[in-house]
């Protein structure tokens, strides 16, 4: 299993807890970049300088507390896509419900025994070290070049703090934060919202699927049949080629000849990318549909797709 170097922002005011986390990752993840902030206000300043792969957030802090910080983060167009895991001693049902409503990626209660704590921290780091496949980056930069020119590609790479230095291969794996940085830089230069950029990119990426998985597409004669099989067939085939790919989850809630309702779950909140793929799926089958989105979590980590075929 290939693990990538993580860039983590830890928001914690307890010195003992900071030392515990550092000790837990000192061997297996000693090359990760760990940035510390003692409260929400300090964290927001740090986020202006660097976009992390993941935020670990304590709830009980002075000044701006965890939930206040989370509310600010998830209402910021440039920052709302960053996955957040709550790492706290609070098992208050109200806190847990509010955090999930705001769109966290996980809620971890700090175990009392150090061995249990270490095991949980290592599991978090192992999971989030598995990053996006390079083809997602190479195709994105090709789209940027096609729509905005090579100069724009150079600009967004140079303006971002990329561990890869903007050099991607289709079979490589790279930190998700790099995609966030590139999207943020492109959005600021084009005045196009990140969600709208993801929509266009999803529509573009369908052409990659047509080229790379033409045989897979040929097994379907209907867009609703194809979309309803994402989880149990298409993702299975993708993982045969990219075993370490982190893919979103699609749960079919209702299906008929002309209606499909699916629940999308992903900590990366790239649901507009998924919407673009769905649009082109119907185009591929010379069909049309009305697709409505219903956010379950405010930051888009859980979204319901209501797909009605037009007759």
C-alpha atoms as a PDB file:
ATOM      1  CA  UNK A   1       0.000   0.000   0.000  1.00  0.00           C
ATOM      2  CA  UNK A   2       1.438   3.331  -1.051  1.00  0.00           C
ATOM      3  CA  UNK A   3       1.072   6.118   1.523  1.00  0.00           C
ATOM      4  CA  UNK A   4       1.591   9.779   0.774  1.00  0.00           C
ATOM      5  CA  UNK A   5       2.999  12.405   3.095  1.00  0.00           C
ATOM      6  CA  UNK A   6       0.109  14.061   4.893  1.00  0.00           C
ATOM      7  CA  UNK A   7      -0.333  17.755   5.589  1.00  0.00           C
ATOM      8  CA  UNK A   8      -2.378  17.999   8.806  1.00  0.00           C
ATOM      9  CA  UNK A   9      -3.730  20.983  10.700  1.00  0.00           C
ATOM     10  CA  UNK A  10      -4.254  20.081  14.378  1.00  0.00           C
ATOM     11  CA  UNK A  11      -6.453  22.536  16.305  1.00  0.00           C
ATOM     12  CA  UNK A  12      -5.899  21.746  19.964  1.00  0.00           C
ATOM     13  CA  UNK A  13      -5.134  23.872  23.041  1.00  0.00           C
ATOM     14  CA  UNK A  14      -4.078  21.069  25.411  1.00  0.00           C
ATOM     15  CA  UNK A  15      -0.301  20.589  25.365  1.00  0.00           C
ATOM     16  CA  UNK A  16      -0.566  17.012  26.677  1.00  0.00           C
ATOM     17  CA  UNK A  17      -2.933  16.052  23.835  1.00  0.00           C
ATOM     18  CA  UNK A  18      -0.563  17.580  21.284  1.00  0.00           C
ATOM     19  CA  UNK A  19       2.342  15.546  22.699  1.00  0.00           C
ATOM     20  CA  UNK A  20       0.210  12.363  22.629  1.00  0.00           C
ATOM     21  CA  UNK A  21      -0.615  12.824  18.965  1.00  0.00           C
ATOM     22  CA  UNK A  22       2.998  13.590  18.047  1.00  0.00           C
ATOM     23  CA  UNK A  23       4.141  10.460  19.865  1.00  0.00           C
ATOM     24  CA  UNK A  24       1.500   8.329  18.100  1.00  0.00           C
ATOM     25  CA  UNK A  25       2.735   9.312  14.640  1.00  0.00           C
ATOM     26  CA  UNK A  26       6.445   9.643  15.442  1.00  0.00           C
ATOM     27  CA  UNK A  27       7.521   6.417  13.715  1.00  0.00           C
ATOM     28  CA  UNK A  28       5.133   5.456  10.928  1.00  0.00           C
ATOM     29  CA  UNK A  29       4.238   9.026   9.911  1.00  0.00           C
ATOM     30  CA  UNK A  30       7.355  10.921  10.901  1.00  0.00           C
ATOM     31  CA  UNK A  31       7.498  12.692   7.528  1.00  0.00           C
ATOM     32  CA  UNK A  32       4.015  14.213   7.742  1.00  0.00           C
ATOM     33  CA  UNK A  33       3.642  17.987   7.990  1.00  0.00           C
ATOM     34  CA  UNK A  34       1.853  18.818  11.254  1.00  0.00           C
ATOM     35  CA  UNK A  35       0.742  22.427  11.738  1.00  0.00           C
ATOM     36  CA  UNK A  36      -0.560  23.437  15.178  1.00  0.00           C
ATOM     37  CA  UNK A  37      -3.201  25.994  16.129  1.00  0.00           C
ATOM     38  CA  UNK A  38      -4.380  26.583  19.694  1.00  0.00           C
ATOM     39  CA  UNK A  39      -7.859  27.852  18.786  1.00  0.00           C
ATOM     40  CA  UNK A  40     -10.184  28.540  15.876  1.00  0.00           C
ATOM     41  CA  UNK A  41      -8.972  32.101  15.281  1.00  0.00           C
ATOM     42  CA  UNK A  42      -5.365  30.982  14.991  1.00  0.00           C
ATOM     43  CA  UNK A  43      -6.408  28.133  12.693  1.00  0.00           C
ATOM     44  CA  UNK A  44      -8.134  30.523  10.273  1.00  0.00           C
ATOM     45  CA  UNK A  45      -4.931  32.559  10.028  1.00  0.00           C
ATOM     46  CA  UNK A  46      -2.927  29.394   9.301  1.00  0.00           C
ATOM     47  CA  UNK A  47      -5.422  28.380   6.596  1.00  0.00           C
ATOM     48  CA  UNK A  48      -4.674  31.617   4.750  1.00  0.00           C
ATOM     49  CA  UNK A  49      -1.091  30.395   4.397  1.00  0.00           C
ATOM     50  CA  UNK A  50      -1.565  26.690   3.715  1.00  0.00           C
ATOM     51  CA  UNK A  51      -4.372  24.301   2.705  1.00  0.00           C
ATOM     52  CA  UNK A  52      -4.019  20.988   4.596  1.00  0.00           C
ATOM     53  CA  UNK A  53      -5.156  17.537   3.523  1.00  0.00           C
ATOM     54  CA  UNK A  54      -7.071  17.122   6.760  1.00  0.00           C
ATOM     55  CA  UNK A  55      -8.056  19.082   9.861  1.00  0.00           C
ATOM     56  CA  UNK A  56      -8.124  17.420  13.302  1.00  0.00           C
ATOM     57  CA  UNK A  57     -10.335  19.566  15.521  1.00  0.00           C
ATOM     58  CA  UNK A  58     -10.941  19.640  19.268  1.00  0.00           C
ATOM     59  CA  UNK A  59     -14.279  21.107  20.352  1.00  0.00           C
ATOM     60  CA  UNK A  60     -13.444  22.527  23.776  1.00  0.00           C
ATOM     61  CA  UNK A  61     -11.186  25.530  23.173  1.00  0.00           C
ATOM     62  CA  UNK A  62     -11.008  29.162  24.275  1.00  0.00           C
ATOM     63  CA  UNK A  63     -11.992  32.082  22.001  1.00  0.00           C
ATOM     64  CA  UNK A  64     -13.449  30.505  18.846  1.00  0.00           C
ATOM     65  CA  UNK A  65     -14.463  26.981  19.895  1.00  0.00           C
ATOM     66  CA  UNK A  66     -14.625  23.914  17.671  1.00  0.00           C
ATOM     67  CA  UNK A  67     -18.220  24.237  16.479  1.00  0.00           C
ATOM     68  CA  UNK A  68     -17.850  27.988  15.859  1.00  0.00           C
ATOM     69  CA  UNK A  69     -14.716  27.317  13.807  1.00  0.00           C
ATOM     70  CA  UNK A  70     -16.434  24.506  11.888  1.00  0.00           C
ATOM     71  CA  UNK A  71     -19.357  26.810  11.043  1.00  0.00           C
ATOM     72  CA  UNK A  72     -17.001  29.463   9.657  1.00  0.00           C
ATOM     73  CA  UNK A  73     -14.999  26.875   7.698  1.00  0.00           C
ATOM     74  CA  UNK A  74     -18.000  25.214   6.059  1.00  0.00           C
ATOM     75  CA  UNK A  75     -19.431  28.586   4.976  1.00  0.00           C
ATOM     76  CA  UNK A  76     -16.186  29.542   3.230  1.00  0.00           C
ATOM     77  CA  UNK A  77     -16.222  28.623  -0.475  1.00  0.00           C
ATOM     78  CA  UNK A  78     -12.435  28.176  -0.556  1.00  0.00           C
ATOM     79  CA  UNK A  79     -12.172  26.081   2.602  1.00  0.00           C
ATOM     80  CA  UNK A  80     -15.414  24.095   2.927  1.00  0.00           C
ATOM     81  CA  UNK A  81     -14.035  21.133   0.944  1.00  0.00           C
ATOM     82  CA  UNK A  82     -11.273  20.418   3.507  1.00  0.00           C
ATOM     83  CA  UNK A  83     -12.219  17.251   5.426  1.00  0.00           C
ATOM     84  CA  UNK A  84     -12.506  17.690   9.207  1.00  0.00           C
ATOM     85  CA  UNK A  85     -12.331  14.997  11.870  1.00  0.00           C
ATOM     86  CA  UNK A  86     -13.427  15.878  15.388  1.00  0.00           C
ATOM     87  CA  UNK A  87     -11.002  14.553  18.003  1.00  0.00           C
ATOM     88  CA  UNK A  88     -12.521  15.263  21.399  1.00  0.00           C
ATOM     89  CA  UNK A  89     -13.611  13.998  24.826  1.00  0.00           C
ATOM     90  CA  UNK A  90     -17.144  15.330  24.341  1.00  0.00           C
ATOM     91  CA  UNK A  91     -19.799  12.657  23.809  1.00  0.00           C
ATOM     92  CA  UNK A  92     -22.596  15.223  24.020  1.00  0.00           C
ATOM     93  CA  UNK A  93     -25.347  14.158  21.586  1.00  0.00           C
ATOM     94  CA  UNK A  94     -26.062  17.785  20.673  1.00  0.00           C
ATOM     95  CA  UNK A  95     -22.390  18.372  19.755  1.00  0.00           C
ATOM     96  CA  UNK A  96     -22.251  15.178  17.685  1.00  0.00           C
ATOM     97  CA  UNK A  97     -25.451  15.994  15.785  1.00  0.00           C
ATOM     98  CA  UNK A  98     -24.386  19.572  15.091  1.00  0.00           C
ATOM     99  CA  UNK A  99     -20.954  18.516  13.828  1.00  0.00           C
ATOM    100  CA  UNK A 100     -22.415  15.987  11.421  1.00  0.00           C
ATOM    101  CA  UNK A 101     -24.999  18.523  10.269  1.00  0.00           C
ATOM    102  CA  UNK A 102     -22.171  20.915   9.414  1.00  0.00           C
ATOM    103  CA  UNK A 103     -20.432  18.190   7.401  1.00  0.00           C
ATOM    104  CA  UNK A 104     -17.557  16.565   9.267  1.00  0.00           C
ATOM    105  CA  UNK A 105     -15.741  13.506   7.922  1.00  0.00           C
ATOM    106  CA  UNK A 106     -15.672  11.749  11.292  1.00  0.00           C
ATOM    107  CA  UNK A 107     -16.184  12.114  15.056  1.00  0.00           C
ATOM    108  CA  UNK A 108     -13.594  10.382  17.257  1.00  0.00           C
ATOM    109  CA  UNK A 109     -13.855  10.192  21.027  1.00  0.00           C
ATOM    110  CA  UNK A 110     -10.412  10.236  22.621  1.00  0.00           C
ATOM    111  CA  UNK A 111      -9.904   6.866  24.381  1.00  0.00           C
ATOM    112  CA  UNK A 112      -8.582   6.889  27.935  1.00  0.00           C
ATOM    113  CA  UNK A 113      -5.958   4.184  27.293  1.00  0.00           C
ATOM    114  CA  UNK A 114      -2.984   5.427  25.283  1.00  0.00           C
ATOM    115  CA  UNK A 115      -2.775   2.190  23.266  1.00  0.00           C
ATOM    116  CA  UNK A 116      -6.361   2.655  22.077  1.00  0.00           C
ATOM    117  CA  UNK A 117      -5.718   6.322  21.310  1.00  0.00           C
ATOM    118  CA  UNK A 118      -2.599   5.477  19.278  1.00  0.00           C
ATOM    119  CA  UNK A 119      -4.473   2.827  17.274  1.00  0.00           C
ATOM    120  CA  UNK A 120      -7.221   5.294  16.357  1.00  0.00           C
ATOM    121  CA  UNK A 121      -4.774   8.022  15.337  1.00  0.00           C
ATOM    122  CA  UNK A 122      -2.774   5.633  13.153  1.00  0.00           C
ATOM    123  CA  UNK A 123      -5.974   4.402  11.480  1.00  0.00           C
ATOM    124  CA  UNK A 124      -6.929   7.995  10.653  1.00  0.00           C
ATOM    125  CA  UNK A 125      -3.509   8.768   9.203  1.00  0.00           C
ATOM    126  CA  UNK A 126      -3.356   5.549   7.142  1.00  0.00           C
ATOM    127  CA  UNK A 127      -6.751   6.184   5.600  1.00  0.00           C
ATOM    128  CA  UNK A 128      -6.103   9.816   4.702  1.00  0.00           C
ATOM    129  CA  UNK A 129      -2.645   9.045   3.314  1.00  0.00           C
ATOM    130  CA  UNK A 130      -4.295   7.283   0.370  1.00  0.00           C
ATOM    131  CA  UNK A 131      -4.686  10.085  -2.138  1.00  0.00           C
ATOM    132  CA  UNK A 132      -6.164  10.943  -5.529  1.00  0.00           C
ATOM    133  CA  UNK A 133      -4.928   9.146  -8.603  1.00  0.00           C
ATOM    134  CA  UNK A 134      -2.771  11.150 -10.986  1.00  0.00           C
ATOM    135  CA  UNK A 135      -5.170  10.869 -13.919  1.00  0.00           C
ATOM    136  CA  UNK A 136      -7.547  13.213 -12.066  1.00  0.00           C
ATOM    137  CA  UNK A 137      -4.788  15.854 -11.997  1.00  0.00           C
ATOM    138  CA  UNK A 138      -3.464  15.364 -15.524  1.00  0.00           C
ATOM    139  CA  UNK A 139      -6.928  15.599 -17.050  1.00  0.00           C
ATOM    140  CA  UNK A 140      -7.763  18.650 -14.945  1.00  0.00           C
ATOM    141  CA  UNK A 141      -4.673  20.512 -16.167  1.00  0.00           C
ATOM    142  CA  UNK A 142      -5.429  19.502 -19.755  1.00  0.00           C
ATOM    143  CA  UNK A 143      -8.913  20.975 -19.365  1.00  0.00           C
ATOM    144  CA  UNK A 144      -7.485  24.193 -17.911  1.00  0.00           C
ATOM    145  CA  UNK A 145      -5.063  24.465 -20.832  1.00  0.00           C
ATOM    146  CA  UNK A 146      -7.857  23.853 -23.338  1.00  0.00           C
ATOM    147  CA  UNK A 147     -10.222  26.426 -21.802  1.00  0.00           C
ATOM    148  CA  UNK A 148      -7.823  29.078 -20.494  1.00  0.00           C
ATOM    149  CA  UNK A 149      -4.416  28.453 -22.076  1.00  0.00           C
ATOM    150  CA  UNK A 150      -1.050  27.110 -20.957  1.00  0.00           C
ATOM    151  CA  UNK A 151      -0.220  30.373 -19.229  1.00  0.00           C
ATOM    152  CA  UNK A 152      -3.118  29.811 -16.824  1.00  0.00           C
ATOM    153  CA  UNK A 153      -1.829  26.301 -16.055  1.00  0.00           C
ATOM    154  CA  UNK A 154       1.578  27.742 -15.182  1.00  0.00           C
ATOM    155  CA  UNK A 155       0.002  30.491 -13.063  1.00  0.00           C
ATOM    156  CA  UNK A 156      -2.123  28.227 -10.865  1.00  0.00           C
ATOM    157  CA  UNK A 157       0.748  25.782 -10.347  1.00  0.00           C
ATOM    158  CA  UNK A 158       3.204  28.541  -9.427  1.00  0.00           C
ATOM    159  CA  UNK A 159       0.692  30.176  -7.059  1.00  0.00           C
ATOM    160  CA  UNK A 160       0.050  26.886  -5.215  1.00  0.00           C
ATOM    161  CA  UNK A 161       2.261  25.233  -2.618  1.00  0.00           C
ATOM    162  CA  UNK A 162       2.473  21.788  -4.226  1.00  0.00           C
ATOM    163  CA  UNK A 163       4.622  18.970  -2.873  1.00  0.00           C
ATOM    164  CA  UNK A 164       4.575  17.469  -6.380  1.00  0.00           C
ATOM    165  CA  UNK A 165       5.614  20.832  -7.877  1.00  0.00           C
ATOM    166  CA  UNK A 166       2.788  20.328 -10.362  1.00  0.00           C
ATOM    167  CA  UNK A 167       4.420  17.325 -12.034  1.00  0.00           C
ATOM    168  CA  UNK A 168       1.804  14.568 -12.308  1.00  0.00           C
ATOM    169  CA  UNK A 169       1.672  11.130 -13.936  1.00  0.00           C
ATOM    170  CA  UNK A 170      -1.575   9.293 -14.622  1.00  0.00           C
ATOM    171  CA  UNK A 171      -0.621   6.330 -12.404  1.00  0.00           C
ATOM    172  CA  UNK A 172       0.820   8.349  -9.516  1.00  0.00           C
ATOM    173  CA  UNK A 173      -1.009   9.289  -6.315  1.00  0.00           C
ATOM    174  CA  UNK A 174      -1.082  12.825  -4.964  1.00  0.00           C
ATOM    175  CA  UNK A 175      -2.453  14.692  -1.981  1.00  0.00           C
ATOM    176  CA  UNK A 176      -6.044  15.883  -2.250  1.00  0.00           C
ATOM    177  CA  UNK A 177      -4.975  19.289  -0.924  1.00  0.00           C
ATOM    178  CA  UNK A 178      -3.145  19.864  -4.225  1.00  0.00           C
ATOM    179  CA  UNK A 179      -6.418  19.612  -6.142  1.00  0.00           C
ATOM    180  CA  UNK A 180      -8.050  22.014  -3.667  1.00  0.00           C
ATOM    181  CA  UNK A 181      -5.239  24.517  -4.170  1.00  0.00           C
ATOM    182  CA  UNK A 182      -5.405  24.313  -7.963  1.00  0.00           C
ATOM    183  CA  UNK A 183      -9.184  24.751  -7.923  1.00  0.00           C
ATOM    184  CA  UNK A 184      -8.926  27.703  -5.542  1.00  0.00           C
ATOM    185  CA  UNK A 185      -6.288  29.418  -7.671  1.00  0.00           C
ATOM    186  CA  UNK A 186      -8.255  28.841 -10.881  1.00  0.00           C
ATOM    187  CA  UNK A 187     -11.475  30.083  -9.277  1.00  0.00           C
ATOM    188  CA  UNK A 188      -9.825  33.299  -8.063  1.00  0.00           C
ATOM    189  CA  UNK A 189      -8.387  34.017 -11.531  1.00  0.00           C
ATOM    190  CA  UNK A 190     -11.524  33.238 -13.525  1.00  0.00           C
ATOM    191  CA  UNK A 191     -14.224  34.379 -11.078  1.00  0.00           C
ATOM    192  CA  UNK A 192     -15.892  30.991 -11.578  1.00  0.00           C
ATOM    193  CA  UNK A 193     -17.135  29.246  -8.424  1.00  0.00           C
ATOM    194  CA  UNK A 194     -15.327  26.028  -7.476  1.00  0.00           C
ATOM    195  CA  UNK A 195     -18.566  24.023  -7.755  1.00  0.00           C
ATOM    196  CA  UNK A 196     -19.074  25.300 -11.319  1.00  0.00           C
ATOM    197  CA  UNK A 197     -15.487  24.361 -12.201  1.00  0.00           C
ATOM    198  CA  UNK A 198     -16.070  20.867 -10.821  1.00  0.00           C
ATOM    199  CA  UNK A 199     -19.245  20.551 -12.921  1.00  0.00           C
ATOM    200  CA  UNK A 200     -17.396  21.388 -16.138  1.00  0.00           C
ATOM    201  CA  UNK A 201     -14.539  19.094 -15.145  1.00  0.00           C
ATOM    202  CA  UNK A 202     -16.942  16.207 -14.474  1.00  0.00           C
ATOM    203  CA  UNK A 203     -18.449  16.649 -17.951  1.00  0.00           C
ATOM    204  CA  UNK A 204     -14.938  16.688 -19.426  1.00  0.00           C
ATOM    205  CA  UNK A 205     -13.870  13.609 -17.461  1.00  0.00           C
ATOM    206  CA  UNK A 206     -16.674  11.536 -18.968  1.00  0.00           C
ATOM    207  CA  UNK A 207     -14.701  11.604 -22.224  1.00  0.00           C
ATOM    208  CA  UNK A 208     -11.848   9.902 -20.326  1.00  0.00           C
ATOM    209  CA  UNK A 209     -14.287   7.176 -19.254  1.00  0.00           C
ATOM    210  CA  UNK A 210     -15.447   6.782 -22.870  1.00  0.00           C
ATOM    211  CA  UNK A 211     -11.826   6.339 -23.997  1.00  0.00           C
ATOM    212  CA  UNK A 212     -10.593   4.182 -21.145  1.00  0.00           C
ATOM    213  CA  UNK A 213     -13.686   2.125 -20.306  1.00  0.00           C
ATOM    214  CA  UNK A 214     -15.510   1.840 -23.634  1.00  0.00           C
ATOM    215  CA  UNK A 215     -16.098  -1.868 -23.061  1.00  0.00           C
ATOM    216  CA  UNK A 216     -17.662  -1.133 -19.682  1.00  0.00           C
ATOM    217  CA  UNK A 217     -20.010   1.467 -21.166  1.00  0.00           C
ATOM    218  CA  UNK A 218     -21.070  -0.963 -23.889  1.00  0.00           C
ATOM    219  CA  UNK A 219     -22.487  -3.317 -21.277  1.00  0.00           C
ATOM    220  CA  UNK A 220     -25.239  -0.762 -20.573  1.00  0.00           C
ATOM    221  CA  UNK A 221     -28.137   0.290 -22.787  1.00  0.00           C
ATOM    222  CA  UNK A 222     -29.749   2.731 -20.381  1.00  0.00           C
ATOM    223  CA  UNK A 223     -28.400   5.683 -18.296  1.00  0.00           C
ATOM    224  CA  UNK A 224     -30.446   4.867 -15.190  1.00  0.00           C
ATOM    225  CA  UNK A 225     -29.220   1.271 -15.232  1.00  0.00           C
ATOM    226  CA  UNK A 226     -25.650   2.476 -15.555  1.00  0.00           C
ATOM    227  CA  UNK A 227     -25.857   5.087 -12.791  1.00  0.00           C
ATOM    228  CA  UNK A 228     -27.591   2.686 -10.407  1.00  0.00           C
ATOM    229  CA  UNK A 229     -24.695   0.234 -10.838  1.00  0.00           C
ATOM    230  CA  UNK A 230     -21.926   2.686  -9.882  1.00  0.00           C
ATOM    231  CA  UNK A 231     -21.267   1.126  -6.493  1.00  0.00           C
ATOM    232  CA  UNK A 232     -21.604  -2.570  -7.336  1.00  0.00           C
ATOM    233  CA  UNK A 233     -20.107  -2.708 -10.830  1.00  0.00           C
ATOM    234  CA  UNK A 234     -18.364   0.425 -12.095  1.00  0.00           C
ATOM    235  CA  UNK A 235     -16.384   1.100  -8.918  1.00  0.00           C
ATOM    236  CA  UNK A 236     -15.441  -2.585  -8.742  1.00  0.00           C
ATOM    237  CA  UNK A 237     -13.930  -2.333 -12.233  1.00  0.00           C
ATOM    238  CA  UNK A 238     -12.137   0.944 -11.432  1.00  0.00           C
ATOM    239  CA  UNK A 239     -10.527  -0.638  -8.360  1.00  0.00           C
ATOM    240  CA  UNK A 240      -9.140  -3.452 -10.513  1.00  0.00           C
ATOM    241  CA  UNK A 241      -7.046  -0.810 -12.295  1.00  0.00           C
ATOM    242  CA  UNK A 242      -6.521   1.553  -9.359  1.00  0.00           C
ATOM    243  CA  UNK A 243      -6.675  -0.643  -6.205  1.00  0.00           C
ATOM    244  CA  UNK A 244      -5.913   2.257  -3.869  1.00  0.00           C
ATOM    245  CA  UNK A 245      -8.367   4.715  -5.407  1.00  0.00           C
ATOM    246  CA  UNK A 246     -10.602   6.471  -2.876  1.00  0.00           C
ATOM    247  CA  UNK A 247     -14.045   6.534  -4.435  1.00  0.00           C
ATOM    248  CA  UNK A 248     -17.279   8.102  -3.218  1.00  0.00           C
ATOM    249  CA  UNK A 249     -20.171   5.946  -2.073  1.00  0.00           C
ATOM    250  CA  UNK A 250     -23.476   5.930  -3.980  1.00  0.00           C
ATOM    251  CA  UNK A 251     -26.442   4.310  -2.229  1.00  0.00           C
ATOM    252  CA  UNK A 252     -29.521   3.644  -4.364  1.00  0.00           C
ATOM    253  CA  UNK A 253     -32.593   4.681  -2.350  1.00  0.00           C
ATOM    254  CA  UNK A 254     -35.260   4.386  -5.045  1.00  0.00           C
ATOM    255  CA  UNK A 255     -35.264   3.205  -8.638  1.00  0.00           C
ATOM    256  CA  UNK A 256     -37.827   2.831 -11.392  1.00  0.00           C
ATOM    257  CA  UNK A 257     -37.781   3.034 -15.184  1.00  0.00           C
ATOM    258  CA  UNK A 258     -37.623   6.840 -15.218  1.00  0.00           C
ATOM    259  CA  UNK A 259     -36.566   7.745 -11.659  1.00  0.00           C
ATOM    260  CA  UNK A 260     -33.382   7.188  -9.689  1.00  0.00           C
ATOM    261  CA  UNK A 261     -32.672   8.553  -6.212  1.00  0.00           C
ATOM    262  CA  UNK A 262     -29.148   8.041  -4.885  1.00  0.00           C
ATOM    263  CA  UNK A 263     -27.311   9.182  -1.777  1.00  0.00           C
ATOM    264  CA  UNK A 264     -23.754  10.391  -2.410  1.00  0.00           C
ATOM    265  CA  UNK A 265     -21.227  10.221   0.430  1.00  0.00           C
ATOM    266  CA  UNK A 266     -17.659  11.514   0.250  1.00  0.00           C
ATOM    267  CA  UNK A 267     -15.522  13.576   2.597  1.00  0.00           C
ATOM    268  CA  UNK A 268     -14.162  15.392  -0.476  1.00  0.00           C
ATOM    269  CA  UNK A 269     -17.535  16.942  -1.309  1.00  0.00           C
ATOM    270  CA  UNK A 270     -16.929  16.852  -5.068  1.00  0.00           C
ATOM    271  CA  UNK A 271     -20.583  16.201  -5.815  1.00  0.00           C
ATOM    272  CA  UNK A 272     -20.652  18.740  -8.665  1.00  0.00           C
ATOM    273  CA  UNK A 273     -17.997  16.600 -10.365  1.00  0.00           C
ATOM    274  CA  UNK A 274     -20.434  13.709 -10.030  1.00  0.00           C
ATOM    275  CA  UNK A 275     -23.235  15.869 -11.439  1.00  0.00           C
ATOM    276  CA  UNK A 276     -21.123  16.595 -14.522  1.00  0.00           C
ATOM    277  CA  UNK A 277     -20.525  12.880 -15.054  1.00  0.00           C
ATOM    278  CA  UNK A 278     -24.250  12.191 -14.729  1.00  0.00           C
ATOM    279  CA  UNK A 279     -25.122  14.889 -17.275  1.00  0.00           C
ATOM    280  CA  UNK A 280     -22.810  13.316 -19.815  1.00  0.00           C
ATOM    281  CA  UNK A 281     -24.081   9.814 -19.018  1.00  0.00           C
ATOM    282  CA  UNK A 282     -27.512  10.821 -20.285  1.00  0.00           C
ATOM    283  CA  UNK A 283     -25.921  12.523 -23.314  1.00  0.00           C
ATOM    284  CA  UNK A 284     -24.048   9.300 -24.081  1.00  0.00           C
ATOM    285  CA  UNK A 285     -27.336   7.392 -24.297  1.00  0.00           C
ATOM    286  CA  UNK A 286     -29.052  10.172 -26.307  1.00  0.00           C
ATOM    287  CA  UNK A 287     -31.356  10.842 -23.398  1.00  0.00           C
ATOM    288  CA  UNK A 288     -32.079  13.766 -21.068  1.00  0.00           C
ATOM    289  CA  UNK A 289     -32.894  14.117 -17.403  1.00  0.00           C
ATOM    290  CA  UNK A 290     -33.696  16.636 -14.724  1.00  0.00           C
ATOM    291  CA  UNK A 291     -31.211  16.184 -11.872  1.00  0.00           C
ATOM    292  CA  UNK A 292     -31.891  17.888  -8.555  1.00  0.00           C
ATOM    293  CA  UNK A 293     -29.523  17.987  -5.593  1.00  0.00           C
ATOM    294  CA  UNK A 294     -30.579  17.863  -1.970  1.00  0.00           C
ATOM    295  CA  UNK A 295     -27.817  18.560   0.541  1.00  0.00           C
ATOM    296  CA  UNK A 296     -27.903  16.375   3.629  1.00  0.00           C
ATOM    297  CA  UNK A 297     -24.774  18.025   5.048  1.00  0.00           C
ATOM    298  CA  UNK A 298     -24.160  21.713   4.439  1.00  0.00           C
ATOM    299  CA  UNK A 299     -20.653  21.193   3.021  1.00  0.00           C
ATOM    300  CA  UNK A 300     -21.775  18.592   0.491  1.00  0.00           C
ATOM    301  CA  UNK A 301     -20.199  15.498   2.039  1.00  0.00           C
ATOM    302  CA  UNK A 302     -23.643  13.869   1.811  1.00  0.00           C
ATOM    303  CA  UNK A 303     -25.937  14.813  -1.077  1.00  0.00           C
ATOM    304  CA  UNK A 304     -29.061  13.196  -2.457  1.00  0.00           C
ATOM    305  CA  UNK A 305     -29.310  13.045  -6.270  1.00  0.00           C
ATOM    306  CA  UNK A 306     -32.902  12.959  -7.562  1.00  0.00           C
ATOM    307  CA  UNK A 307     -32.739  11.958 -11.227  1.00  0.00           C
ATOM    308  CA  UNK A 308     -35.906  12.112 -13.338  1.00  0.00           C
ATOM    309  CA  UNK A 309     -35.656  10.990 -16.944  1.00  0.00           C
ATOM    310  CA  UNK A 310     -37.412  13.332 -19.373  1.00  0.00           C
ATOM    311  CA  UNK A 311     -39.811  11.578 -21.725  1.00  0.00           C
END
